[in-house]
Structure formats: C-alpha cells, structure tokens
C-alpha atoms as a PDB file:
ATOM      1  CA  MET A   1      -2.926 -32.053  12.227  1.00  0.00           C
ATOM      2  CA  TYR A   2      -5.014 -31.167   9.233  1.00  0.00           C
ATOM      3  CA  THR A   3      -5.015 -27.860   7.399  1.00  0.00           C
ATOM      4  CA  ASP A   4      -8.330 -26.994   9.102  1.00  0.00           C
ATOM      5  CA  ASP A   5      -6.553 -27.336  12.525  1.00  0.00           C
ATOM      6  CA  SER A   6      -8.449 -30.519  13.435  1.00  0.00           C
ATOM      7  CA  LYS A   7      -6.476 -33.474  14.788  1.00  0.00           C
ATOM      8  CA  GLU A   8      -6.715 -37.233  14.620  1.00  0.00           C
ATOM      9  CA  THR A   9      -4.874 -39.899  16.600  1.00  0.00           C
ATOM     10  CA  LEU A  10      -3.838 -43.113  14.889  1.00  0.00           C
ATOM     11  CA  HIS A  11      -2.681 -46.001  17.076  1.00  0.00           C
ATOM     12  CA  GLN A  12      -0.364 -48.736  15.814  1.00  0.00           C
ATOM     13  CA  ASN A  13       0.503 -51.820  17.805  1.00  0.00           C
ATOM     14  CA  PRO A  14       4.143 -52.818  18.427  1.00  0.00           C
ATOM     15  CA  ALA A  15       3.966 -55.386  15.609  1.00  0.00           C
ATOM     16  CA  ILE A  16       4.773 -52.558  13.199  1.00  0.00           C
ATOM     17  CA  TRP A  17       8.375 -52.779  14.528  1.00  0.00           C
ATOM     18  CA  GLU A  18       8.580 -56.544  15.116  1.00  0.00           C
ATOM     19  CA  LYS A  19      11.073 -57.198  12.321  1.00  0.00           C
ATOM     20  CA  ASN A  20      13.427 -54.469  13.593  1.00  0.00           C
ATOM     21  CA  GLU A  21      12.863 -52.427  10.459  1.00  0.00           C
ATOM     22  CA  LYS A  22      14.484 -49.007  10.079  1.00  0.00           C
ATOM     23  CA  THR A  23      11.307 -47.589   8.581  1.00  0.00           C
ATOM     24  CA  ALA A  24       7.588 -48.287   8.738  1.00  0.00           C
ATOM     25  CA  VAL A  25       4.836 -47.343   6.313  1.00  0.00           C
ATOM     26  CA  VAL A  26       1.490 -46.262   7.702  1.00  0.00           C
ATOM     27  CA  ILE A  27      -1.247 -45.539   5.182  1.00  0.00           C
ATOM     28  CA  LEU A  28      -3.562 -42.702   6.151  1.00  0.00           C
ATOM     29  CA  LYS A  29      -6.993 -42.838   4.588  1.00  0.00           C
ATOM     30  CA  GLY A  30      -8.141 -39.368   5.583  1.00  0.00           C
ATOM     31  CA  LYS A  31      -9.871 -37.112   3.135  1.00  0.00           C
ATOM     32  CA  LYS A  32      -8.539 -33.823   4.490  1.00  0.00           C
ATOM     33  CA  PRO A  33      -5.207 -32.256   3.522  1.00  0.00           C
ATOM     34  CA  ILE A  34      -2.526 -32.930   6.146  1.00  0.00           C
ATOM     35  CA  ARG A  35      -0.481 -30.033   7.525  1.00  0.00           C
ATOM     36  CA  GLN A  36       1.653 -31.911  10.054  1.00  0.00           C
ATOM     37  CA  ILE A  37       2.316 -35.421  11.371  1.00  0.00           C
ATOM     38  CA  THR A  38       3.918 -36.049  14.754  1.00  0.00           C
ATOM     39  CA  LEU A  39       5.066 -39.442  16.016  1.00  0.00           C
ATOM     40  CA  ASP A  40       4.390 -39.332  19.742  1.00  0.00           C
ATOM     41  CA  GLY A  41       3.235 -42.155  21.907  1.00  0.00           C
ATOM     42  CA  GLY A  42       4.282 -40.845  25.295  1.00  0.00           C
ATOM     43  CA  ILE A  43       6.956 -43.534  25.398  1.00  0.00           C
ATOM     44  CA  PHE A  44      10.394 -43.910  23.826  1.00  0.00           C
ATOM     45  CA  MET A  45       9.591 -44.216  20.116  1.00  0.00           C
ATOM     46  CA  ASP A  46      13.007 -44.297  18.454  1.00  0.00           C
ATOM     47  CA  ALA A  47      16.667 -43.378  18.790  1.00  0.00           C
ATOM     48  CA  THR A  48      16.259 -40.014  17.017  1.00  0.00           C
ATOM     49  CA  PRO A  49      13.226 -38.191  18.462  1.00  0.00           C
ATOM     50  CA  LEU A  50      14.207 -34.952  16.722  1.00  0.00           C
ATOM     51  CA  ASN A  51      12.919 -36.344  13.405  1.00  0.00           C
ATOM     52  CA  ASN A  52       9.498 -37.428  14.694  1.00  0.00           C
ATOM     53  CA  LYS A  53       7.678 -34.491  13.102  1.00  0.00           C
ATOM     54  CA  TRP A  54       6.842 -33.861   9.454  1.00  0.00           C
ATOM     55  CA  SER A  55       5.329 -30.637   8.101  1.00  0.00           C
ATOM     56  CA  ALA A  56       3.859 -30.031   4.670  1.00  0.00           C
ATOM     57  CA  LYS A  57       5.603 -27.440   2.541  1.00  0.00           C
END
C-alpha cells in the first residue's frame, strides 16, 4: 500500500524460491512512497507468516 492509500499487486513465480533460499529480493520500481508491504498469495507462503508484513516508520 502506498502513502496515498492506493494498492498494487506484484506477482512472482515460484522460481524466486527454487534454490531454497532463506530470503528473496524483489525490486519495486514504483514512484510513489510505500507505506506497507504484505506478502500474501492466498497459499502457504513461508514457515513464519507473522513476519509477512512490513510497515514504514
């Protein structure tokens, strides 16, 4: 979610996890300031779903 309350959905294919990495880097090329990012695909994303949200300070 952006600071202007608009939202954008970014899809990644499963290849982002193919090497069984503990982290993944996704580069966002938006031009608006980000207020919050939520990892949510409607399926089991990772072992610790409680940390799937980031909020700007």
